[in-house]
Protein backbone atom coordinates (compact mmCIF):
# COMPACT_ATOMS: atom_id res chain seq x y z
CA MET A 1 -15.33 -9.86 -11.99
CA ASN A 2 -13.16 -7.34 -10.15
CA GLU A 3 -9.37 -7.04 -10.27
CA LYS A 4 -8.79 -8.92 -6.99
CA GLN A 5 -10.87 -11.87 -8.19
CA GLU A 6 -8.93 -11.93 -11.46
CA GLN A 7 -5.62 -11.88 -9.57
CA LEU A 8 -6.80 -14.72 -7.34
CA GLU A 9 -7.93 -16.84 -10.27
CA ALA A 10 -4.64 -16.20 -12.08
CA TYR A 11 -2.71 -17.25 -8.97
CA ILE A 12 -4.76 -20.44 -8.63
CA ASP A 13 -4.31 -21.28 -12.31
CA HIS A 14 -0.56 -20.67 -12.10
CA HIS A 15 -0.13 -22.86 -8.98
CA ALA A 16 -2.67 -25.62 -9.72
CA ASN A 17 -0.06 -28.25 -10.61
CA ASP A 18 1.86 -27.57 -7.37
CA ALA A 19 -1.32 -27.97 -5.34
CA ILE A 20 -2.22 -31.20 -7.12
CA SER A 21 1.29 -32.60 -6.56
CA PHE A 22 1.11 -31.74 -2.86
CA LEU A 23 -2.28 -33.41 -2.47
CA GLN A 24 -1.08 -36.50 -4.36
CA LYS A 25 1.94 -36.74 -2.06
CA MET A 26 -0.32 -36.57 1.00
CA ILE A 27 -2.75 -39.16 -0.37
CA GLN A 28 0.08 -41.56 -1.24
CA GLN A 29 1.40 -41.46 2.32
CA PRO A 30 -0.16 -44.16 4.48
CA SER A 31 -2.13 -42.38 7.17
CA VAL A 32 -4.71 -44.14 9.26
CA GLN A 33 -5.78 -43.49 12.81
CA GLY A 34 -2.81 -44.17 15.04
CA ASN A 35 -0.32 -43.70 12.21
CA GLU A 36 -0.65 -40.08 11.11
CA LYS A 37 2.99 -39.07 11.63
CA GLY A 38 4.10 -39.62 8.02
CA VAL A 39 1.50 -37.33 6.50
CA GLN A 40 2.02 -34.80 9.25
CA GLU A 41 5.72 -34.67 8.29
CA ILE A 42 4.62 -33.73 4.76
CA VAL A 43 2.42 -30.97 6.18
CA ILE A 44 5.30 -29.72 8.37
CA GLU A 45 7.61 -29.60 5.35
CA LYS A 46 5.05 -27.60 3.34
CA LEU A 47 4.40 -25.14 6.18
CA LYS A 48 8.14 -24.55 6.51
CA GLN A 49 8.42 -24.01 2.74
CA LEU A 50 5.73 -21.35 3.13
CA GLN A 51 7.92 -19.79 5.85
CA LEU A 52 5.31 -20.26 8.57
CA GLU A 53 6.19 -20.73 12.21
CA VAL A 54 5.49 -24.43 12.86
CA ASP A 55 4.32 -25.86 16.18
CA VAL A 56 4.14 -29.65 16.60
CA TRP A 57 3.03 -31.54 19.67
CA ASP A 58 1.65 -34.90 20.67
CA PRO A 59 -1.75 -34.62 22.35
CA LYS A 60 -1.67 -35.77 25.96
CA PHE A 61 -4.37 -38.37 26.43
CA GLU A 62 -4.29 -37.90 30.20
CA GLU A 63 -5.16 -34.22 29.81
CA LEU A 64 -7.85 -34.79 27.18
CA GLU A 65 -9.66 -37.44 29.21
CA LYS A 66 -10.23 -34.91 32.00
CA HIS A 67 -12.60 -32.96 29.76
CA PRO A 68 -16.25 -33.97 30.32
CA TYR A 69 -17.00 -34.05 26.56
CA PHE A 70 -13.93 -36.04 25.53
CA ILE A 71 -14.97 -39.32 23.93
CA PRO A 72 -11.86 -41.31 23.01
CA SER A 73 -11.68 -43.52 19.96
CA ARG A 74 -8.31 -44.94 21.06
CA LYS A 75 -6.03 -45.23 24.08
CA ASN A 76 -3.20 -42.89 23.06
CA TYR A 77 -1.98 -40.47 20.45
CA VAL A 78 1.50 -41.84 19.80
CA ASP A 79 2.65 -40.97 16.24
CA SER A 80 -0.37 -38.68 15.84
CA PRO A 81 1.04 -35.19 16.27
CA ASN A 82 -0.96 -32.00 16.03
CA VAL A 83 0.57 -29.54 13.58
CA VAL A 84 -0.10 -25.82 13.39
CA GLY A 85 1.37 -23.23 11.05
CA VAL A 86 1.36 -19.62 12.22
CA LEU A 87 1.70 -16.60 9.96
CA ASN A 88 2.62 -13.62 12.12
CA GLY A 89 0.83 -10.56 10.87
CA GLN A 90 1.17 -6.90 11.54
CA GLY A 91 -0.26 -5.16 14.56
CA GLY A 92 -0.20 -8.26 16.77
CA VAL A 93 -2.52 -10.27 14.50
CA SER A 94 -1.61 -13.87 13.55
CA GLN A 95 -3.23 -16.43 11.29
CA LEU A 96 -3.36 -20.16 12.14
CA PHE A 97 -3.29 -22.87 9.49
């Protein structure tokens, strides 16, 4: 195993309990289709803690239904926000989460 792998494994071992707590919090939050907002708030909070730029928006059903391959499973996306975390990198490169 090389040094980078060892560093990664040490990081994972050190932060395992935090990751488990975060996943437990998400699982305990009721979140079924049409009611995703609560768990998305947990995700938003975590992304902000990680100091990521957070973008949140409600999908527009009217726009989605214009796409020929859109097959809806419901009539709207109320309380079902999309959440994206952006880590701005160097040299104009960004990472999406």
